[in-house]
Amino acid sequence: MKALYESLVQKVEMLSDLPPLFFRLILAYGFYGPAMQKVGNISGIAEWFASMGMPFPTLNAYMATGTEVTGFILLFLGLATRIISIPLIVVMIVAITTVHLGNGFEAGNNGFEIPLYYILMLISLIITGPGRISIDGLLKRKMADK
């Protein structure tokens, strides 16, 4: 029984690079839509931020847009994954506190459920890294070969 268990664990461990890949791709997809909406209407986003009482709404609109655009590209590629995850967490915290928190938890009510899941996935990527199926992983292997 023990040998069967150890064999199963060994086989499952060969799949250990899939969760970070899936997290990166889901997050990249999740940030893509909002980023493109912001790019297409940055002045509208600045006005919306101003209506919520956000300080420096135009600057914050550009910062949020830049972070989300850079984030979806880097997450998709698996490049600088740990680094970009930090400002993306900040964007999600701001989104939760300014938009979602008052709506409760459930995503169906525009609650903070989805941004919270994004934060948890981003924290996981900071801790575990992007996995071998990434440019970061390729660079790590190249550096180890030198």
C-alpha atoms as a PDB file:
ATOM      1  CA  MET A   1       0.000   0.000   0.000  1.00  0.00           C
ATOM      2  CA  LYS A   2       2.822   2.395   0.885  1.00  0.00           C
ATOM      3  CA  ALA A   3       4.607   1.706  -2.412  1.00  0.00           C
ATOM      4  CA  LEU A   4       1.401   2.349  -4.355  1.00  0.00           C
ATOM      5  CA  TYR A   5       0.916   5.648  -2.527  1.00  0.00           C
ATOM      6  CA  GLU A   6       4.513   6.738  -3.142  1.00  0.00           C
ATOM      7  CA  SER A   7       4.192   5.809  -6.812  1.00  0.00           C
ATOM      8  CA  LEU A   8       1.015   7.862  -7.107  1.00  0.00           C
ATOM      9  CA  VAL A   9       2.628  10.851  -5.363  1.00  0.00           C
ATOM     10  CA  GLN A  10       5.626  10.625  -7.698  1.00  0.00           C
ATOM     11  CA  LYS A  11       3.361  10.662 -10.755  1.00  0.00           C
ATOM     12  CA  VAL A  12       1.270  13.562  -9.440  1.00  0.00           C
ATOM     13  CA  GLU A  13       4.395  15.582  -8.585  1.00  0.00           C
ATOM     14  CA  MET A  14       5.335  15.481 -12.286  1.00  0.00           C
ATOM     15  CA  LEU A  15       2.336  17.788 -12.795  1.00  0.00           C
ATOM     16  CA  SER A  16       3.522  20.370 -10.244  1.00  0.00           C
ATOM     17  CA  ASP A  17       4.203  23.018 -12.894  1.00  0.00           C
ATOM     18  CA  LEU A  18       0.611  23.009 -14.128  1.00  0.00           C
ATOM     19  CA  PRO A  19      -1.050  24.903 -11.219  1.00  0.00           C
ATOM     20  CA  PRO A  20       1.224  27.975 -11.546  1.00  0.00           C
ATOM     21  CA  LEU A  21       0.730  27.901 -15.324  1.00  0.00           C
ATOM     22  CA  PHE A  22      -3.057  27.721 -14.897  1.00  0.00           C
ATOM     23  CA  PHE A  23      -3.001  30.498 -12.263  1.00  0.00           C
ATOM     24  CA  ARG A  24      -0.928  32.731 -14.556  1.00  0.00           C
ATOM     25  CA  LEU A  25      -3.162  32.152 -17.575  1.00  0.00           C
ATOM     26  CA  ILE A  26      -6.411  32.640 -15.630  1.00  0.00           C
ATOM     27  CA  LEU A  27      -5.056  35.823 -14.068  1.00  0.00           C
ATOM     28  CA  ALA A  28      -3.767  37.121 -17.417  1.00  0.00           C
ATOM     29  CA  TYR A  29      -7.182  36.522 -18.934  1.00  0.00           C
ATOM     30  CA  GLY A  30      -8.889  38.124 -15.928  1.00  0.00           C
ATOM     31  CA  PHE A  31      -6.776  41.280 -16.125  1.00  0.00           C
ATOM     32  CA  TYR A  32      -6.959  41.534 -19.924  1.00  0.00           C
ATOM     33  CA  GLY A  33     -10.602  42.623 -20.206  1.00  0.00           C
ATOM     34  CA  PRO A  34     -10.519  45.348 -17.542  1.00  0.00           C
ATOM     35  CA  ALA A  35      -7.148  46.578 -18.836  1.00  0.00           C
ATOM     36  CA  MET A  36      -8.474  46.919 -22.386  1.00  0.00           C
ATOM     37  CA  GLN A  37     -11.585  48.721 -21.135  1.00  0.00           C
ATOM     38  CA  LYS A  38      -9.357  51.161 -19.280  1.00  0.00           C
ATOM     39  CA  VAL A  39      -7.068  51.664 -22.291  1.00  0.00           C
ATOM     40  CA  GLY A  40     -10.094  52.403 -24.461  1.00  0.00           C
ATOM     41  CA  ASN A  41     -11.562  54.960 -22.059  1.00  0.00           C
ATOM     42  CA  ILE A  42      -8.878  56.313 -19.749  1.00  0.00           C
ATOM     43  CA  SER A  43     -10.665  59.642 -19.295  1.00  0.00           C
ATOM     44  CA  GLY A  44     -13.859  57.828 -18.321  1.00  0.00           C
ATOM     45  CA  ILE A  45     -11.909  55.774 -15.795  1.00  0.00           C
ATOM     46  CA  ALA A  46     -10.370  58.955 -14.356  1.00  0.00           C
ATOM     47  CA  GLU A  47     -13.849  60.483 -14.052  1.00  0.00           C
ATOM     48  CA  TRP A  48     -15.155  57.322 -12.377  1.00  0.00           C
ATOM     49  CA  PHE A  49     -12.217  57.361  -9.933  1.00  0.00           C
ATOM     50  CA  ALA A  50     -12.929  61.038  -9.199  1.00  0.00           C
ATOM     51  CA  SER A  51     -16.614  60.262  -8.544  1.00  0.00           C
ATOM     52  CA  MET A  52     -15.518  57.760  -5.884  1.00  0.00           C
ATOM     53  CA  GLY A  53     -13.371  60.411  -4.210  1.00  0.00           C
ATOM     54  CA  MET A  54     -10.111  58.759  -5.200  1.00  0.00           C
ATOM     55  CA  PRO A  55      -7.183  61.189  -4.930  1.00  0.00           C
ATOM     56  CA  PHE A  56      -5.323  62.050  -8.152  1.00  0.00           C
ATOM     57  CA  PRO A  57      -7.903  60.214 -10.280  1.00  0.00           C
ATOM     58  CA  THR A  58      -6.133  60.711 -13.620  1.00  0.00           C
ATOM     59  CA  LEU A  59      -2.787  59.557 -12.257  1.00  0.00           C
ATOM     60  CA  ASN A  60      -4.455  56.587 -10.565  1.00  0.00           C
ATOM     61  CA  ALA A  61      -6.316  55.708 -13.771  1.00  0.00           C
ATOM     62  CA  TYR A  62      -3.042  55.600 -15.692  1.00  0.00           C
ATOM     63  CA  MET A  63      -1.282  53.675 -12.923  1.00  0.00           C
ATOM     64  CA  ALA A  64      -4.060  51.066 -12.671  1.00  0.00           C
ATOM     65  CA  THR A  65      -4.214  50.745 -16.460  1.00  0.00           C
ATOM     66  CA  GLY A  66      -0.444  50.439 -16.805  1.00  0.00           C
ATOM     67  CA  THR A  67      -0.266  47.871 -14.035  1.00  0.00           C
ATOM     68  CA  GLU A  68      -3.070  45.760 -15.507  1.00  0.00           C
ATOM     69  CA  VAL A  69      -1.701  45.902 -19.081  1.00  0.00           C
ATOM     70  CA  THR A  70       1.825  45.077 -17.927  1.00  0.00           C
ATOM     71  CA  GLY A  71       0.411  42.452 -15.590  1.00  0.00           C
ATOM     72  CA  PHE A  72      -1.531  40.505 -18.170  1.00  0.00           C
ATOM     73  CA  ILE A  73       1.446  40.484 -20.557  1.00  0.00           C
ATOM     74  CA  LEU A  74       3.983  39.409 -17.942  1.00  0.00           C
ATOM     75  CA  LEU A  75       1.688  36.832 -16.360  1.00  0.00           C
ATOM     76  CA  PHE A  76       0.889  35.333 -19.759  1.00  0.00           C
ATOM     77  CA  LEU A  77       4.591  35.049 -20.563  1.00  0.00           C
ATOM     78  CA  GLY A  78       5.632  34.011 -17.076  1.00  0.00           C
ATOM     79  CA  LEU A  79       8.178  36.827 -16.985  1.00  0.00           C
ATOM     80  CA  ALA A  80       8.970  38.790 -13.797  1.00  0.00           C
ATOM     81  CA  THR A  81       6.002  36.958 -12.299  1.00  0.00           C
ATOM     82  CA  ARG A  82       6.858  37.502  -8.658  1.00  0.00           C
ATOM     83  CA  ILE A  83       7.591  41.180  -9.211  1.00  0.00           C
ATOM     84  CA  ILE A  84       4.423  42.063 -11.169  1.00  0.00           C
ATOM     85  CA  SER A  85       2.267  40.137  -8.701  1.00  0.00           C
ATOM     86  CA  ILE A  86       2.935  42.737  -5.993  1.00  0.00           C
ATOM     87  CA  PRO A  87       1.454  45.793  -7.775  1.00  0.00           C
ATOM     88  CA  LEU A  88      -1.389  43.626  -9.082  1.00  0.00           C
ATOM     89  CA  ILE A  89      -2.240  42.725  -5.470  1.00  0.00           C
ATOM     90  CA  VAL A  90      -2.286  46.448  -4.657  1.00  0.00           C
ATOM     91  CA  VAL A  91      -4.673  47.069  -7.587  1.00  0.00           C
ATOM     92  CA  MET A  92      -6.943  44.294  -6.289  1.00  0.00           C
ATOM     93  CA  ILE A  93      -6.900  45.661  -2.746  1.00  0.00           C
ATOM     94  CA  VAL A  94      -7.873  49.099  -4.068  1.00  0.00           C
ATOM     95  CA  ALA A  95     -10.631  47.518  -6.187  1.00  0.00           C
ATOM     96  CA  ILE A  96     -11.975  45.652  -3.174  1.00  0.00           C
ATOM     97  CA  THR A  97     -11.967  48.667  -0.879  1.00  0.00           C
ATOM     98  CA  THR A  98     -13.373  51.159  -3.395  1.00  0.00           C
ATOM     99  CA  VAL A  99     -15.790  49.087  -5.480  1.00  0.00           C
ATOM    100  CA  HIS A 100     -16.539  45.596  -4.203  1.00  0.00           C
ATOM    101  CA  LEU A 101     -16.509  45.596  -0.399  1.00  0.00           C
ATOM    102  CA  GLY A 102     -19.873  47.317  -0.004  1.00  0.00           C
ATOM    103  CA  ASN A 103     -21.490  44.613  -2.151  1.00  0.00           C
ATOM    104  CA  GLY A 104     -20.537  41.743   0.140  1.00  0.00           C
ATOM    105  CA  PHE A 105     -18.622  38.618  -0.792  1.00  0.00           C
ATOM    106  CA  GLU A 106     -20.496  37.011  -3.684  1.00  0.00           C
ATOM    107  CA  ALA A 107     -19.259  37.667  -7.207  1.00  0.00           C
ATOM    108  CA  GLY A 108     -22.817  37.646  -8.539  1.00  0.00           C
ATOM    109  CA  ASN A 109     -23.521  40.774  -6.512  1.00  0.00           C
ATOM    110  CA  ASN A 110     -20.267  42.461  -7.664  1.00  0.00           C
ATOM    111  CA  GLY A 111     -18.759  41.505  -4.316  1.00  0.00           C
ATOM    112  CA  PHE A 112     -15.106  41.004  -3.516  1.00  0.00           C
ATOM    113  CA  GLU A 113     -15.005  37.254  -4.205  1.00  0.00           C
ATOM    114  CA  ILE A 114     -13.147  37.364  -7.549  1.00  0.00           C
ATOM    115  CA  PRO A 115     -10.572  40.025  -6.536  1.00  0.00           C
ATOM    116  CA  LEU A 116      -9.918  37.999  -3.380  1.00  0.00           C
ATOM    117  CA  TYR A 117      -9.308  34.864  -5.463  1.00  0.00           C
ATOM    118  CA  TYR A 118      -6.951  36.876  -7.666  1.00  0.00           C
ATOM    119  CA  ILE A 119      -5.029  38.030  -4.593  1.00  0.00           C
ATOM    120  CA  LEU A 120      -4.722  34.446  -3.335  1.00  0.00           C
ATOM    121  CA  MET A 121      -3.477  33.224  -6.735  1.00  0.00           C
ATOM    122  CA  LEU A 122      -0.999  36.118  -6.931  1.00  0.00           C
ATOM    123  CA  ILE A 123       0.294  35.326  -3.424  1.00  0.00           C
ATOM    124  CA  SER A 124       0.721  31.712  -4.511  1.00  0.00           C
ATOM    125  CA  LEU A 125       2.755  32.853  -7.530  1.00  0.00           C
ATOM    126  CA  ILE A 126       4.932  35.058  -5.320  1.00  0.00           C
ATOM    127  CA  ILE A 127       5.644  32.104  -3.028  1.00  0.00           C
ATOM    128  CA  THR A 128       6.003  29.271  -5.555  1.00  0.00           C
ATOM    129  CA  GLY A 129       7.062  31.203  -8.636  1.00  0.00           C
ATOM    130  CA  PRO A 130       5.659  30.822 -12.138  1.00  0.00           C
ATOM    131  CA  GLY A 131       6.705  27.202 -12.631  1.00  0.00           C
ATOM    132  CA  ARG A 132       8.977  25.708 -15.256  1.00  0.00           C
ATOM    133  CA  ILE A 133       6.517  26.458 -18.070  1.00  0.00           C
ATOM    134  CA  SER A 134       7.418  30.143 -18.166  1.00  0.00           C
ATOM    135  CA  ILE A 135      10.095  32.509 -19.387  1.00  0.00           C
ATOM    136  CA  ASP A 136      11.182  32.910 -15.753  1.00  0.00           C
ATOM    137  CA  GLY A 137      11.617  29.121 -15.572  1.00  0.00           C
ATOM    138  CA  LEU A 138      13.555  29.068 -18.844  1.00  0.00           C
ATOM    139  CA  LEU A 139      15.847  31.855 -17.639  1.00  0.00           C
ATOM    140  CA  LYS A 140      16.402  30.031 -14.342  1.00  0.00           C
ATOM    141  CA  ARG A 141      17.413  26.860 -16.192  1.00  0.00           C
ATOM    142  CA  LYS A 142      19.746  28.850 -18.489  1.00  0.00           C
ATOM    143  CA  MET A 143      21.405  30.520 -15.506  1.00  0.00           C
ATOM    144  CA  ALA A 144      21.854  27.151 -13.792  1.00  0.00           C
ATOM    145  CA  ASP A 145      23.623  25.824 -16.900  1.00  0.00           C
ATOM    146  CA  LYS A 146      26.299  28.546 -16.710  1.00  0.00           C
END
